[in-house]
Amino acid sequence: MLSKSSSNTVGGRVGFKHVMVAVDQSDQAIFALTVAVRLADDLHSHLSLVHVVHLPPVTNPDFAYQNIEMRPVCLESGQKFLDQLTQSLPSGTNKVLREGDPATEIIDAATRLGADLLIMGTHGRGRFAAAVVGSVAHKVMQKVPCPVLCVAHKPETIEAGKTWPEIASEPSPEVPSWLTI
């Protein structure tokens, strides 16, 4: 689903000079990265990856606190994840590591870096689950100043020569071992 409209037009066609993709370690995000790389290549666009480390508060009946001891470990893990992803991407791909609320940080990164298009994976949980759990993609789409392309298929299903109906009907295998940090 593409949200908002772009003012970046070239010869009557939308032109995206800077494609940003939000990534986490989900299948959907990795597939979104696959789509973003292909699209950026086709459009001769600059590509940026943004990964947000979210440290939820630890709670008990007496108080809530943020586990500051886990912060360096989580940030290091996030950086390793970005480094691994960009090893096989075009040189010049920008890596952005942020800390905080995923939706807020993705919106801020896209705004500050001037992304023309933001690509995100979505779990497609449905309206009820999104209302109860919340949807990062939905929150981002409401506030980010550029179009958003939400991708819901799995990364292992996209292979050269397959049509979308073939891709959509395939079962999803295990997460690749190189993604485990």
N, C-alpha and C. Protein backbone atom coordinates (compact mmCIF):
# COMPACT_ATOMS: atom_id res chain seq x y z
N MET A 1 0.84 -1.16 0.00
CA MET A 1 0.00 0.00 0.00
C MET A 1 0.89 1.23 0.00
N LEU A 2 0.62 2.19 -0.84
CA LEU A 2 1.40 3.41 -0.94
C LEU A 2 0.59 4.53 -0.33
N SER A 3 1.19 5.26 0.60
CA SER A 3 0.47 6.34 1.24
C SER A 3 1.03 7.68 0.79
N LYS A 4 0.21 8.70 0.89
CA LYS A 4 0.55 10.09 0.58
C LYS A 4 0.96 10.23 -0.88
N SER A 5 1.18 11.43 -1.32
CA SER A 5 1.62 11.64 -2.69
C SER A 5 2.97 12.34 -2.67
N SER A 6 3.72 12.16 -3.69
CA SER A 6 5.05 12.74 -3.75
C SER A 6 5.08 13.94 -4.67
N SER A 7 5.81 14.96 -4.27
CA SER A 7 5.97 16.13 -5.12
C SER A 7 7.19 15.98 -6.02
N ASN A 8 7.89 14.89 -5.91
CA ASN A 8 9.08 14.64 -6.72
C ASN A 8 8.67 13.99 -8.03
N THR A 9 8.37 14.78 -9.01
CA THR A 9 7.98 14.23 -10.29
C THR A 9 9.02 14.57 -11.34
N VAL A 10 9.24 13.62 -12.23
CA VAL A 10 10.18 13.79 -13.32
C VAL A 10 9.43 13.43 -14.59
N GLY A 11 9.21 14.39 -15.47
CA GLY A 11 8.51 14.12 -16.72
C GLY A 11 7.12 13.53 -16.49
N GLY A 12 6.42 14.00 -15.43
CA GLY A 12 5.08 13.51 -15.16
C GLY A 12 5.05 12.21 -14.35
N ARG A 13 6.24 11.64 -14.08
CA ARG A 13 6.32 10.40 -13.30
C ARG A 13 6.92 10.70 -11.94
N VAL A 14 6.54 9.93 -10.96
CA VAL A 14 7.10 10.11 -9.63
C VAL A 14 8.56 9.67 -9.64
N GLY A 15 9.43 10.49 -9.09
CA GLY A 15 10.85 10.16 -9.01
C GLY A 15 11.28 10.08 -7.56
N PHE A 16 11.88 8.99 -7.19
CA PHE A 16 12.36 8.80 -5.83
C PHE A 16 13.89 8.79 -5.85
N LYS A 17 14.50 9.83 -5.31
CA LYS A 17 15.95 9.93 -5.31
C LYS A 17 16.57 9.28 -4.08
N HIS A 18 15.78 9.18 -3.01
CA HIS A 18 16.28 8.61 -1.76
C HIS A 18 15.24 7.65 -1.19
N VAL A 19 15.54 6.36 -1.26
CA VAL A 19 14.66 5.31 -0.74
C VAL A 19 15.21 4.88 0.62
N MET A 20 14.35 4.91 1.62
CA MET A 20 14.73 4.45 2.96
C MET A 20 13.91 3.21 3.29
N VAL A 21 14.54 2.23 3.91
CA VAL A 21 13.83 1.02 4.32
C VAL A 21 14.08 0.80 5.81
N ALA A 22 12.98 0.58 6.54
CA ALA A 22 13.06 0.27 7.97
C ALA A 22 13.23 -1.23 8.12
N VAL A 23 14.24 -1.64 8.87
CA VAL A 23 14.52 -3.08 9.00
C VAL A 23 14.58 -3.49 10.47
N ASP A 24 14.08 -4.67 10.71
CA ASP A 24 14.31 -5.38 11.96
C ASP A 24 14.63 -6.81 11.56
N GLN A 25 14.56 -7.74 12.47
CA GLN A 25 14.96 -9.10 12.13
C GLN A 25 13.79 -9.98 11.72
N SER A 26 12.68 -9.38 11.35
CA SER A 26 11.52 -10.16 10.91
C SER A 26 11.65 -10.51 9.43
N ASP A 27 10.97 -11.58 9.04
CA ASP A 27 10.93 -11.96 7.62
C ASP A 27 10.37 -10.84 6.77
N GLN A 28 9.34 -10.18 7.27
CA GLN A 28 8.69 -9.12 6.50
C GLN A 28 9.64 -7.95 6.24
N ALA A 29 10.43 -7.60 7.24
CA ALA A 29 11.38 -6.49 7.07
C ALA A 29 12.48 -6.85 6.08
N ILE A 30 12.93 -8.09 6.13
CA ILE A 30 13.98 -8.51 5.21
C ILE A 30 13.44 -8.55 3.77
N PHE A 31 12.20 -8.96 3.62
CA PHE A 31 11.60 -8.92 2.29
C PHE A 31 11.44 -7.48 1.83
N ALA A 32 11.04 -6.59 2.73
CA ALA A 32 10.94 -5.17 2.39
C ALA A 32 12.29 -4.63 1.92
N LEU A 33 13.37 -5.09 2.56
CA LEU A 33 14.71 -4.69 2.13
C LEU A 33 15.00 -5.18 0.72
N THR A 34 14.61 -6.41 0.42
CA THR A 34 14.79 -6.96 -0.93
C THR A 34 14.07 -6.10 -1.96
N VAL A 35 12.84 -5.73 -1.65
CA VAL A 35 12.06 -4.87 -2.54
C VAL A 35 12.73 -3.50 -2.67
N ALA A 36 13.19 -2.94 -1.55
CA ALA A 36 13.82 -1.62 -1.56
C ALA A 36 15.10 -1.60 -2.39
N VAL A 37 15.91 -2.65 -2.28
CA VAL A 37 17.15 -2.72 -3.05
C VAL A 37 16.84 -2.76 -4.54
N ARG A 38 15.89 -3.59 -4.92
CA ARG A 38 15.52 -3.68 -6.34
C ARG A 38 14.96 -2.37 -6.86
N LEU A 39 14.08 -1.75 -6.06
CA LEU A 39 13.47 -0.50 -6.48
C LEU A 39 14.50 0.62 -6.58
N ALA A 40 15.37 0.73 -5.58
CA ALA A 40 16.41 1.76 -5.60
C ALA A 40 17.33 1.57 -6.80
N ASP A 41 17.66 0.32 -7.12
CA ASP A 41 18.50 0.04 -8.28
C ASP A 41 17.78 0.44 -9.57
N ASP A 42 16.53 0.04 -9.70
CA ASP A 42 15.75 0.38 -10.90
C ASP A 42 15.60 1.88 -11.09
N LEU A 43 15.45 2.61 -9.98
CA LEU A 43 15.22 4.06 -10.04
C LEU A 43 16.51 4.87 -9.92
N HIS A 44 17.65 4.17 -9.78
CA HIS A 44 18.94 4.84 -9.59
C HIS A 44 18.87 5.78 -8.38
N SER A 45 18.32 5.27 -7.28
CA SER A 45 18.12 6.04 -6.07
C SER A 45 19.16 5.69 -5.02
N HIS A 46 19.39 6.64 -4.12
CA HIS A 46 20.23 6.39 -2.95
C HIS A 46 19.41 5.54 -1.98
N LEU A 47 20.06 4.61 -1.28
CA LEU A 47 19.37 3.71 -0.37
C LEU A 47 19.88 3.91 1.05
N SER A 48 18.96 4.02 2.00
CA SER A 48 19.29 4.08 3.42
C SER A 48 18.53 3.01 4.17
N LEU A 49 19.17 2.42 5.16
CA LEU A 49 18.54 1.45 6.06
C LEU A 49 18.44 2.09 7.43
N VAL A 50 17.30 1.95 8.07
CA VAL A 50 17.16 2.42 9.44
C VAL A 50 16.72 1.23 10.30
N HIS A 51 17.42 1.07 11.42
CA HIS A 51 17.10 0.01 12.38
C HIS A 51 16.97 0.67 13.74
N VAL A 52 15.87 0.38 14.43
CA VAL A 52 15.60 0.99 15.73
C VAL A 52 15.73 -0.05 16.83
N VAL A 53 16.56 0.26 17.81
CA VAL A 53 16.68 -0.57 19.01
C VAL A 53 15.70 -0.02 20.03
N HIS A 54 14.79 -0.86 20.45
CA HIS A 54 13.77 -0.45 21.42
C HIS A 54 13.98 -1.21 22.71
N LEU A 55 14.25 -0.48 23.78
CA LEU A 55 14.43 -1.09 25.09
C LEU A 55 13.17 -0.82 25.91
N PRO A 56 12.25 -1.77 25.94
CA PRO A 56 11.04 -1.55 26.71
C PRO A 56 11.36 -1.52 28.21
N PRO A 57 10.57 -0.78 28.98
CA PRO A 57 10.84 -0.75 30.41
C PRO A 57 10.58 -2.10 31.06
N VAL A 58 11.36 -2.38 32.07
CA VAL A 58 11.16 -3.59 32.88
C VAL A 58 10.22 -3.18 34.02
N THR A 59 9.18 -3.95 34.23
CA THR A 59 8.23 -3.57 35.26
C THR A 59 8.09 -4.66 36.31
N ASN A 60 7.78 -4.24 37.49
CA ASN A 60 7.38 -5.15 38.55
C ASN A 60 6.28 -4.44 39.34
N PRO A 61 5.68 -5.06 40.34
CA PRO A 61 4.56 -4.40 41.03
C PRO A 61 4.91 -3.08 41.70
N ASP A 62 6.19 -2.86 42.03
CA ASP A 62 6.56 -1.66 42.78
C ASP A 62 6.99 -0.48 41.90
N PHE A 63 7.63 -0.77 40.76
CA PHE A 63 8.12 0.33 39.92
C PHE A 63 8.47 -0.18 38.52
N ALA A 64 8.70 0.78 37.62
CA ALA A 64 9.15 0.45 36.26
C ALA A 64 10.49 1.14 36.04
N TYR A 65 11.38 0.49 35.34
CA TYR A 65 12.68 1.08 35.04
C TYR A 65 13.17 0.54 33.71
N GLN A 66 14.15 1.22 33.14
CA GLN A 66 14.75 0.76 31.90
C GLN A 66 16.05 0.05 32.25
N ASN A 67 16.24 -1.12 31.71
CA ASN A 67 17.42 -1.91 32.01
C ASN A 67 18.62 -1.33 31.26
N ILE A 68 19.34 -0.41 31.93
CA ILE A 68 20.45 0.28 31.27
C ILE A 68 21.63 -0.64 30.99
N GLU A 69 21.71 -1.76 31.71
CA GLU A 69 22.79 -2.71 31.45
C GLU A 69 22.64 -3.37 30.09
N MET A 70 21.42 -3.49 29.60
CA MET A 70 21.17 -4.12 28.31
C MET A 70 21.39 -3.16 27.14
N ARG A 71 21.42 -1.87 27.40
CA ARG A 71 21.52 -0.87 26.34
C ARG A 71 22.74 -1.09 25.43
N PRO A 72 23.97 -1.18 25.97
CA PRO A 72 25.13 -1.37 25.09
C PRO A 72 25.07 -2.67 24.30
N VAL A 73 24.56 -3.71 24.93
CA VAL A 73 24.45 -5.01 24.24
C VAL A 73 23.47 -4.90 23.08
N CYS A 74 22.33 -4.26 23.32
CA CYS A 74 21.32 -4.11 22.26
C CYS A 74 21.81 -3.21 21.14
N LEU A 75 22.50 -2.12 21.48
CA LEU A 75 23.03 -1.23 20.45
C LEU A 75 24.11 -1.93 19.62
N GLU A 76 24.97 -2.70 20.26
CA GLU A 76 26.00 -3.44 19.54
C GLU A 76 25.37 -4.48 18.61
N SER A 77 24.36 -5.16 19.11
CA SER A 77 23.66 -6.15 18.30
C SER A 77 22.98 -5.50 17.10
N GLY A 78 22.38 -4.33 17.32
CA GLY A 78 21.74 -3.59 16.23
C GLY A 78 22.75 -3.16 15.17
N GLN A 79 23.93 -2.72 15.61
CA GLN A 79 24.96 -2.30 14.67
C GLN A 79 25.48 -3.49 13.87
N LYS A 80 25.67 -4.63 14.54
CA LYS A 80 26.11 -5.84 13.83
C LYS A 80 25.09 -6.26 12.79
N PHE A 81 23.82 -6.17 13.16
CA PHE A 81 22.74 -6.51 12.23
C PHE A 81 22.80 -5.63 10.99
N LEU A 82 22.94 -4.32 11.17
CA LEU A 82 23.05 -3.41 10.02
C LEU A 82 24.30 -3.70 9.20
N ASP A 83 25.41 -3.96 9.87
CA ASP A 83 26.66 -4.26 9.16
C ASP A 83 26.52 -5.52 8.30
N GLN A 84 25.87 -6.55 8.85
CA GLN A 84 25.67 -7.78 8.09
C GLN A 84 24.77 -7.54 6.88
N LEU A 85 23.71 -6.78 7.08
CA LEU A 85 22.79 -6.51 5.96
C LEU A 85 23.48 -5.76 4.84
N THR A 86 24.32 -4.80 5.18
CA THR A 86 24.91 -3.95 4.15
C THR A 86 26.11 -4.57 3.45
N GLN A 87 26.60 -5.70 3.93
CA GLN A 87 27.73 -6.35 3.27
C GLN A 87 27.43 -6.69 1.82
N SER A 88 26.20 -7.09 1.54
CA SER A 88 25.86 -7.49 0.17
C SER A 88 25.08 -6.42 -0.58
N LEU A 89 24.98 -5.23 0.00
CA LEU A 89 24.24 -4.15 -0.65
C LEU A 89 25.19 -3.23 -1.42
N PRO A 90 24.64 -2.40 -2.30
CA PRO A 90 25.50 -1.49 -3.06
C PRO A 90 26.32 -0.59 -2.14
N SER A 91 27.55 -0.28 -2.56
CA SER A 91 28.37 0.63 -1.77
C SER A 91 27.66 1.98 -1.73
N GLY A 92 27.84 2.68 -0.66
CA GLY A 92 27.17 3.97 -0.49
C GLY A 92 25.83 3.85 0.21
N THR A 93 25.41 2.62 0.52
CA THR A 93 24.16 2.45 1.26
C THR A 93 24.36 3.02 2.66
N ASN A 94 23.45 3.88 3.07
CA ASN A 94 23.53 4.54 4.36
C ASN A 94 22.91 3.67 5.45
N LYS A 95 23.61 3.51 6.58
CA LYS A 95 23.10 2.74 7.72
C LYS A 95 22.77 3.72 8.85
N VAL A 96 21.56 3.60 9.38
CA VAL A 96 21.13 4.47 10.46
C VAL A 96 20.66 3.60 11.62
N LEU A 97 21.30 3.73 12.77
CA LEU A 97 20.90 3.01 13.97
C LEU A 97 20.30 4.02 14.93
N ARG A 98 19.07 3.78 15.35
CA ARG A 98 18.39 4.68 16.27
C ARG A 98 17.96 3.91 17.50
N GLU A 99 17.69 4.63 18.56
CA GLU A 99 17.24 4.03 19.82
C GLU A 99 15.99 4.75 20.27
N GLY A 100 14.97 3.97 20.64
CA GLY A 100 13.74 4.57 21.15
C GLY A 100 12.51 3.87 20.62
N ASP A 101 11.42 4.61 20.57
CA ASP A 101 10.17 4.08 20.04
C ASP A 101 10.31 3.90 18.52
N PRO A 102 10.08 2.69 18.01
CA PRO A 102 10.31 2.46 16.57
C PRO A 102 9.59 3.44 15.65
N ALA A 103 8.32 3.66 15.85
CA ALA A 103 7.57 4.55 14.95
C ALA A 103 8.15 5.97 14.98
N THR A 104 8.37 6.49 16.17
CA THR A 104 8.90 7.85 16.31
C THR A 104 10.27 7.98 15.66
N GLU A 105 11.13 7.01 15.88
CA GLU A 105 12.49 7.08 15.35
C GLU A 105 12.53 6.90 13.83
N ILE A 106 11.67 6.06 13.29
CA ILE A 106 11.60 5.88 11.82
C ILE A 106 11.13 7.17 11.18
N ILE A 107 10.10 7.79 11.75
CA ILE A 107 9.58 9.06 11.22
C ILE A 107 10.67 10.13 11.25
N ASP A 108 11.37 10.23 12.37
CA ASP A 108 12.42 11.23 12.52
C ASP A 108 13.56 11.00 11.54
N ALA A 109 13.97 9.74 11.39
CA ALA A 109 15.07 9.43 10.47
C ALA A 109 14.68 9.76 9.02
N ALA A 110 13.48 9.38 8.62
CA ALA A 110 13.02 9.66 7.25
C ALA A 110 12.94 11.17 7.00
N THR A 111 12.50 11.91 8.01
CA THR A 111 12.38 13.36 7.88
C THR A 111 13.75 14.01 7.80
N ARG A 112 14.63 13.66 8.72
CA ARG A 112 15.97 14.28 8.78
C ARG A 112 16.82 13.94 7.56
N LEU A 113 16.69 12.71 7.06
CA LEU A 113 17.51 12.30 5.91
C LEU A 113 16.86 12.65 4.57
N GLY A 114 15.65 13.17 4.60
CA GLY A 114 14.99 13.59 3.36
C GLY A 114 14.60 12.43 2.46
N ALA A 115 14.10 11.35 3.05
CA ALA A 115 13.67 10.21 2.24
C ALA A 115 12.49 10.61 1.36
N ASP A 116 12.53 10.18 0.09
CA ASP A 116 11.43 10.41 -0.85
C ASP A 116 10.42 9.28 -0.78
N LEU A 117 10.86 8.11 -0.31
CA LEU A 117 10.02 6.93 -0.21
C LEU A 117 10.51 6.10 0.96
N LEU A 118 9.59 5.67 1.81
CA LEU A 118 9.91 4.80 2.93
C LEU A 118 9.28 3.44 2.67
N ILE A 119 10.06 2.39 2.78
CA ILE A 119 9.56 1.03 2.58
C ILE A 119 9.66 0.29 3.90
N MET A 120 8.57 -0.37 4.26
CA MET A 120 8.51 -1.10 5.53
C MET A 120 7.85 -2.45 5.33
N GLY A 121 8.28 -3.42 6.11
CA GLY A 121 7.57 -4.69 6.17
C GLY A 121 6.41 -4.54 7.13
N THR A 122 5.37 -5.30 6.91
CA THR A 122 4.25 -5.30 7.83
C THR A 122 3.81 -6.73 8.08
N HIS A 123 3.38 -6.99 9.29
CA HIS A 123 2.97 -8.34 9.67
C HIS A 123 1.57 -8.67 9.20
N GLY A 124 0.77 -7.66 8.88
CA GLY A 124 -0.60 -7.89 8.40
C GLY A 124 -1.46 -8.62 9.42
N ARG A 125 -1.39 -8.21 10.67
CA ARG A 125 -2.13 -8.89 11.73
C ARG A 125 -3.63 -8.64 11.67
N GLY A 126 -4.05 -7.60 11.00
CA GLY A 126 -5.48 -7.29 10.94
C GLY A 126 -5.84 -6.15 11.88
N ARG A 127 -7.07 -5.66 11.73
CA ARG A 127 -7.49 -4.47 12.48
C ARG A 127 -7.55 -4.70 13.98
N PHE A 128 -8.11 -5.82 14.41
CA PHE A 128 -8.25 -6.05 15.85
C PHE A 128 -6.89 -6.13 16.52
N ALA A 129 -6.00 -6.94 15.98
CA ALA A 129 -4.67 -7.09 16.58
C ALA A 129 -3.90 -5.77 16.53
N ALA A 130 -4.02 -5.04 15.44
CA ALA A 130 -3.33 -3.75 15.34
C ALA A 130 -3.87 -2.77 16.37
N ALA A 131 -5.18 -2.81 16.63
CA ALA A 131 -5.78 -1.92 17.63
C ALA A 131 -5.30 -2.27 19.03
N VAL A 132 -5.15 -3.55 19.30
CA VAL A 132 -4.73 -3.99 20.63
C VAL A 132 -3.22 -3.85 20.79
N VAL A 133 -2.47 -4.38 19.83
CA VAL A 133 -1.02 -4.40 19.91
C VAL A 133 -0.42 -3.09 19.41
N GLY A 134 -1.03 -2.48 18.42
CA GLY A 134 -0.47 -1.30 17.79
C GLY A 134 0.30 -1.71 16.56
N SER A 135 0.44 -0.83 15.62
CA SER A 135 1.14 -1.13 14.40
C SER A 135 2.15 -0.02 14.12
N VAL A 136 3.41 -0.40 14.10
CA VAL A 136 4.45 0.58 13.79
C VAL A 136 4.21 1.17 12.41
N ALA A 137 3.91 0.31 11.44
CA ALA A 137 3.67 0.79 10.06
C ALA A 137 2.51 1.79 10.03
N HIS A 138 1.44 1.49 10.74
CA HIS A 138 0.28 2.39 10.75
C HIS A 138 0.64 3.73 11.37
N LYS A 139 1.35 3.72 12.48
CA LYS A 139 1.76 4.96 13.14
C LYS A 139 2.67 5.78 12.22
N VAL A 140 3.61 5.11 11.55
CA VAL A 140 4.53 5.81 10.65
C VAL A 140 3.76 6.43 9.49
N MET A 141 2.85 5.68 8.90
CA MET A 141 2.09 6.18 7.75
C MET A 141 1.30 7.43 8.09
N GLN A 142 0.88 7.57 9.33
CA GLN A 142 0.08 8.73 9.73
C GLN A 142 0.90 10.02 9.79
N LYS A 143 2.22 9.90 10.03
CA LYS A 143 2.99 11.12 10.32
C LYS A 143 4.21 11.37 9.45
N VAL A 144 4.70 10.37 8.74
CA VAL A 144 5.91 10.58 7.96
C VAL A 144 5.60 11.47 6.74
N PRO A 145 6.52 12.36 6.38
CA PRO A 145 6.23 13.31 5.29
C PRO A 145 6.47 12.80 3.87
N CYS A 146 6.66 11.49 3.71
CA CYS A 146 6.89 10.95 2.37
C CYS A 146 5.98 9.74 2.16
N PRO A 147 5.84 9.28 0.92
CA PRO A 147 5.04 8.07 0.67
C PRO A 147 5.64 6.86 1.38
N VAL A 148 4.77 5.93 1.75
CA VAL A 148 5.19 4.70 2.44
C VAL A 148 4.70 3.51 1.64
N LEU A 149 5.60 2.59 1.35
CA LEU A 149 5.26 1.35 0.69
C LEU A 149 5.37 0.24 1.73
N CYS A 150 4.23 -0.38 2.07
CA CYS A 150 4.22 -1.47 3.05
C CYS A 150 4.24 -2.79 2.31
N VAL A 151 5.15 -3.68 2.71
CA VAL A 151 5.35 -4.96 2.04
C VAL A 151 5.00 -6.06 3.04
N ALA A 152 4.19 -7.02 2.61
CA ALA A 152 3.72 -8.05 3.54
C ALA A 152 4.17 -9.47 3.20
N HIS A 153 4.91 -9.68 2.13
CA HIS A 153 5.34 -11.03 1.78
C HIS A 153 6.70 -11.35 2.40
N LYS A 154 7.06 -12.58 2.38
CA LYS A 154 8.29 -13.05 3.02
C LYS A 154 9.48 -13.00 2.06
N PRO A 155 10.70 -12.77 2.58
CA PRO A 155 11.87 -12.59 1.72
C PRO A 155 12.28 -13.83 0.95
N GLU A 156 12.10 -14.99 1.53
CA GLU A 156 12.59 -16.20 0.87
C GLU A 156 11.75 -16.58 -0.34
N THR A 157 10.62 -15.91 -0.54
CA THR A 157 9.75 -16.28 -1.64
C THR A 157 10.04 -15.51 -2.93
N ILE A 158 10.86 -14.48 -2.86
CA ILE A 158 11.13 -13.72 -4.08
C ILE A 158 12.37 -14.28 -4.77
N GLU A 159 12.17 -14.77 -5.94
CA GLU A 159 13.26 -15.33 -6.74
C GLU A 159 13.05 -14.87 -8.18
N ALA A 160 14.12 -14.77 -8.88
CA ALA A 160 14.05 -14.31 -10.27
C ALA A 160 13.08 -15.17 -11.08
N GLY A 161 12.22 -14.52 -11.82
CA GLY A 161 11.32 -15.22 -12.73
C GLY A 161 10.00 -15.65 -12.14
N LYS A 162 9.78 -15.49 -10.85
CA LYS A 162 8.50 -15.91 -10.27
C LYS A 162 7.50 -14.77 -10.32
N THR A 163 6.25 -15.12 -10.52
CA THR A 163 5.19 -14.12 -10.52
C THR A 163 4.69 -13.93 -9.09
N TRP A 164 3.98 -12.83 -8.85
CA TRP A 164 3.48 -12.57 -7.51
C TRP A 164 2.52 -13.66 -7.02
N PRO A 165 1.63 -14.20 -7.83
CA PRO A 165 0.79 -15.29 -7.32
C PRO A 165 1.61 -16.51 -6.89
N GLU A 166 2.68 -16.82 -7.61
CA GLU A 166 3.55 -17.95 -7.23
C GLU A 166 4.27 -17.64 -5.92
N ILE A 167 4.75 -16.43 -5.78
CA ILE A 167 5.47 -16.01 -4.58
C ILE A 167 4.54 -16.09 -3.37
N ALA A 168 3.34 -15.58 -3.53
CA ALA A 168 2.39 -15.52 -2.41
C ALA A 168 1.94 -16.89 -1.94
N SER A 169 1.97 -17.89 -2.81
CA SER A 169 1.46 -19.21 -2.44
C SER A 169 2.51 -20.13 -1.82
N GLU A 170 3.78 -19.71 -1.78
CA GLU A 170 4.83 -20.57 -1.23
C GLU A 170 4.85 -20.55 0.29
N PRO A 171 5.21 -21.69 0.90
CA PRO A 171 5.37 -21.71 2.35
C PRO A 171 6.64 -20.97 2.75
N SER A 172 6.71 -20.51 3.99
CA SER A 172 7.90 -19.78 4.43
C SER A 172 8.83 -20.66 5.24
N PRO A 173 10.11 -20.78 4.82
CA PRO A 173 11.08 -21.58 5.56
C PRO A 173 11.64 -20.82 6.77
N GLU A 174 12.63 -21.39 7.41
CA GLU A 174 13.27 -20.82 8.59
C GLU A 174 13.96 -19.49 8.25
N VAL A 175 14.17 -18.67 9.27
CA VAL A 175 14.94 -17.44 9.12
C VAL A 175 16.39 -17.82 8.83
N PRO A 176 17.06 -17.17 7.86
CA PRO A 176 18.44 -17.52 7.54
C PRO A 176 19.34 -17.42 8.77
N SER A 177 20.32 -18.31 8.89
CA SER A 177 21.20 -18.34 10.05
C SER A 177 22.03 -17.08 10.19
N TRP A 178 22.34 -16.40 9.09
CA TRP A 178 23.15 -15.20 9.16
C TRP A 178 22.40 -14.05 9.81
N LEU A 179 21.06 -14.18 9.98
CA LEU A 179 20.29 -13.13 10.64
C LEU A 179 20.31 -13.28 12.15
N THR A 180 20.70 -14.42 12.65
CA THR A 180 20.70 -14.66 14.08
C THR A 180 21.92 -14.01 14.70
N ILE A 181 21.68 -13.10 15.60
CA ILE A 181 22.80 -12.38 16.25
C ILE A 181 22.81 -12.73 17.72
